[in-house]
Amino acid sequence: MSEAAKVTSVDALKDFREALVSFLEEAKNSLVTVQMENRRTTDWLQNHQRLYWFEELKRRRERHSMALTELHRVRLQARPGSAIRDTEQKEAVRVTLAKVREAELKVETVKKWGPPLQHAIDEYTGKARALDDLLTGDVVHSLGMLERMISSLEDYLRLTAPPTS
């Protein structure tokens, strides 16, 4: 190793060390934040949305059943030969059926997106773990080396040349 380092400022090394410590803290905080967000999103999709749409589907099917019952009741009460006035009931059946279909679609959508979300999170977790290992291993080791280098340079700069006779 015949190359010599040309250090013109120990303060620049200290500034770099501080920036590296700041980067390390921000990177670790970011990894934790994303991990928490992944958990929150998974919980929201697989628990809250899934349960909400299953319950909503039950409610909408019940409303649709009630609308059908009302339509049949109106038709049964109609007098023979008179016009049946069931327009409102037919519209209620149509609207409630559309809402049932919407809820069924939402249930299927929630089921469909669970596995791709988990796959994406698993892919991210693998890469994030590699970054975390790098941060806790190599960067922390580098910080220690940098600290020792700064200390050695400061010790060297405190030395005074022996007086020449």
Protein backbone atom coordinates (compact mmCIF):
# COMPACT_ATOMS: atom_id res chain seq x y z
CA MET A 1 0.00 0.00 0.00
CA SER A 2 2.11 2.82 -1.24
CA GLU A 3 -0.84 5.18 -1.57
CA ALA A 4 -1.04 7.81 1.14
CA ALA A 5 -4.20 9.51 2.25
CA LYS A 6 -4.15 13.26 1.92
CA VAL A 7 -6.31 14.44 4.78
CA THR A 8 -6.69 18.18 4.81
CA SER A 9 -9.37 18.42 7.46
CA VAL A 10 -10.27 16.10 10.31
CA ASP A 11 -13.42 18.20 10.68
CA ALA A 12 -14.54 17.04 7.22
CA LEU A 13 -14.22 13.44 8.42
CA LYS A 14 -16.23 14.31 11.54
CA ASP A 15 -18.91 15.94 9.38
CA PHE A 16 -18.98 12.84 7.18
CA ARG A 17 -19.31 10.61 10.25
CA GLU A 18 -22.23 12.71 11.52
CA ALA A 19 -23.90 12.54 8.10
CA LEU A 20 -23.38 8.77 8.03
CA VAL A 21 -24.90 8.41 11.53
CA SER A 22 -27.84 10.55 10.42
CA PHE A 23 -28.27 8.43 7.28
CA LEU A 24 -28.13 5.24 9.35
CA GLU A 25 -30.85 6.49 11.72
CA GLU A 26 -33.09 7.71 8.89
CA ALA A 27 -32.67 4.50 6.90
CA LYS A 28 -33.48 2.31 9.92
CA ASN A 29 -36.49 4.50 10.79
CA SER A 30 -37.68 4.28 7.19
CA LEU A 31 -37.45 0.50 7.22
CA VAL A 32 -39.46 0.33 10.44
CA THR A 33 -42.04 2.79 9.08
CA VAL A 34 -42.55 0.79 5.89
CA GLN A 35 -42.79 -2.45 7.87
CA MET A 36 -45.50 -0.90 10.06
CA GLU A 37 -47.32 0.43 6.99
CA ASN A 38 -47.19 -3.03 5.40
CA ARG A 39 -48.76 -4.54 8.52
CA ARG A 40 -51.41 -1.84 8.65
CA THR A 41 -52.29 -2.31 4.98
CA THR A 42 -52.44 -6.09 5.31
CA ASP A 43 -54.63 -5.78 8.40
CA TRP A 44 -56.89 -3.26 6.65
CA LEU A 45 -57.34 -5.47 3.58
CA GLN A 46 -57.56 -8.90 5.18
CA ASN A 47 -59.45 -7.98 8.32
CA HIS A 48 -61.31 -4.70 8.07
CA GLN A 49 -62.26 -4.72 4.38
CA ARG A 50 -62.91 -8.45 4.21
CA LEU A 51 -65.16 -8.41 7.27
CA TYR A 52 -66.85 -5.18 6.21
CA TRP A 53 -67.77 -6.48 2.74
CA PHE A 54 -68.91 -9.89 4.02
CA GLU A 55 -71.23 -8.17 6.50
CA GLU A 56 -72.29 -5.61 3.91
CA LEU A 57 -73.13 -8.42 1.48
CA LYS A 58 -75.34 -10.05 4.13
CA ARG A 59 -77.12 -6.72 4.79
CA ARG A 60 -77.62 -6.05 1.10
CA ARG A 61 -78.96 -9.55 0.45
CA GLU A 62 -81.38 -9.08 3.33
CA ARG A 63 -82.56 -5.73 1.88
CA HIS A 64 -82.95 -7.35 -1.53
CA SER A 65 -84.97 -10.18 -0.01
CA MET A 66 -87.18 -7.64 1.75
CA ALA A 67 -87.68 -5.75 -1.53
CA LEU A 68 -88.68 -8.99 -3.29
CA THR A 69 -91.07 -9.82 -0.47
CA GLU A 70 -92.65 -6.38 -0.75
CA LEU A 71 -93.01 -6.78 -4.53
CA HIS A 72 -94.74 -10.15 -4.10
CA ARG A 73 -96.98 -8.71 -1.37
CA VAL A 74 -98.10 -5.85 -3.66
CA ARG A 75 -98.79 -8.28 -6.51
CA LEU A 76 -100.78 -10.60 -4.24
CA GLN A 77 -102.89 -7.72 -2.92
CA ALA A 78 -103.81 -6.52 -6.41
CA ARG A 79 -107.46 -7.09 -7.34
CA PRO A 80 -108.15 -9.23 -10.36
CA GLY A 81 -108.57 -7.13 -13.49
CA SER A 82 -107.06 -3.99 -11.96
CA ALA A 83 -103.67 -2.56 -12.84
CA ILE A 84 -100.85 -3.57 -10.54
CA ARG A 85 -99.07 -0.55 -9.10
CA ASP A 86 -95.70 -2.07 -8.36
CA THR A 87 -93.31 0.36 -10.04
CA GLU A 88 -91.73 1.47 -6.77
CA GLN A 89 -91.27 -2.11 -5.63
CA LYS A 90 -89.73 -3.16 -8.97
CA GLU A 91 -87.32 -0.23 -8.74
CA ALA A 92 -86.43 -1.20 -5.15
CA VAL A 93 -85.73 -4.78 -6.31
CA ARG A 94 -83.56 -3.49 -9.16
CA VAL A 95 -81.59 -1.12 -6.92
CA THR A 96 -81.08 -3.67 -4.14
CA LEU A 97 -79.97 -6.32 -6.63
CA ALA A 98 -77.42 -3.90 -8.09
CA LYS A 99 -76.13 -3.23 -4.56
CA VAL A 100 -75.87 -6.97 -3.87
CA ARG A 101 -73.84 -7.43 -7.05
CA GLU A 102 -71.59 -4.54 -6.09
CA ALA A 103 -70.95 -6.09 -2.66
CA GLU A 104 -70.26 -9.49 -4.26
CA LEU A 105 -67.73 -7.81 -6.53
CA LYS A 106 -66.09 -6.10 -3.54
CA VAL A 107 -65.85 -9.42 -1.66
CA GLU A 108 -64.18 -11.03 -4.68
CA THR A 109 -61.86 -8.06 -5.11
CA VAL A 110 -60.75 -8.24 -1.49
CA LYS A 111 -60.14 -11.99 -1.82
CA LYS A 112 -58.27 -11.45 -5.08
CA TRP A 113 -55.89 -8.78 -3.75
CA GLY A 114 -54.81 -10.61 -0.58
CA PRO A 115 -52.24 -12.93 -2.22
CA PRO A 116 -50.66 -10.32 -4.55
CA LEU A 117 -50.33 -7.90 -1.63
CA GLN A 118 -48.68 -10.56 0.51
CA HIS A 119 -46.36 -11.50 -2.37
CA ALA A 120 -45.30 -7.87 -2.84
CA ILE A 121 -44.73 -7.48 0.89
CA ASP A 122 -42.66 -10.67 0.96
CA GLU A 123 -40.52 -9.43 -1.95
CA TYR A 124 -40.02 -6.09 -0.22
CA THR A 125 -39.20 -7.78 3.10
CA GLY A 126 -36.42 -9.84 1.49
CA LYS A 127 -34.79 -6.76 0.02
CA ALA A 128 -35.36 -4.69 3.13
CA ARG A 129 -33.77 -7.39 5.27
CA ALA A 130 -30.67 -7.26 3.06
CA LEU A 131 -30.53 -3.48 3.47
CA ASP A 132 -31.04 -3.78 7.23
CA ASP A 133 -28.21 -6.32 7.42
CA LEU A 134 -25.99 -3.94 5.47
CA LEU A 135 -26.91 -1.05 7.76
CA THR A 136 -26.38 -2.95 11.00
CA GLY A 137 -23.27 -4.72 9.76
CA ASP A 138 -21.19 -2.85 7.22
CA VAL A 139 -22.26 0.71 7.98
CA VAL A 140 -21.92 0.28 11.74
CA HIS A 141 -18.51 -1.34 11.19
CA SER A 142 -17.53 1.53 8.89
CA LEU A 143 -18.60 4.04 11.53
CA GLY A 144 -16.32 2.33 14.05
CA MET A 145 -13.43 2.39 11.60
CA LEU A 146 -14.08 6.04 10.81
CA GLU A 147 -14.14 6.86 14.53
CA ARG A 148 -10.78 5.12 15.02
CA MET A 149 -9.30 6.92 12.02
CA ILE A 150 -10.45 10.31 13.32
CA SER A 151 -9.03 9.52 16.73
CA SER A 152 -5.70 8.43 15.23
CA LEU A 153 -5.49 11.53 13.06
CA GLU A 154 -6.28 13.78 16.03
CA ASP A 155 -3.57 12.01 18.07
CA TYR A 156 -1.15 12.48 15.18
CA LEU A 157 -1.96 16.16 14.85
CA ARG A 158 -1.33 16.68 18.57
CA LEU A 159 2.19 15.38 18.20
CA THR A 160 4.88 17.97 17.95
CA ALA A 161 7.97 17.50 15.95
CA PRO A 162 11.09 16.98 18.07
CA PRO A 163 13.27 20.07 18.20
CA THR A 164 16.15 20.03 15.80
CA SER A 165 19.53 20.60 17.34
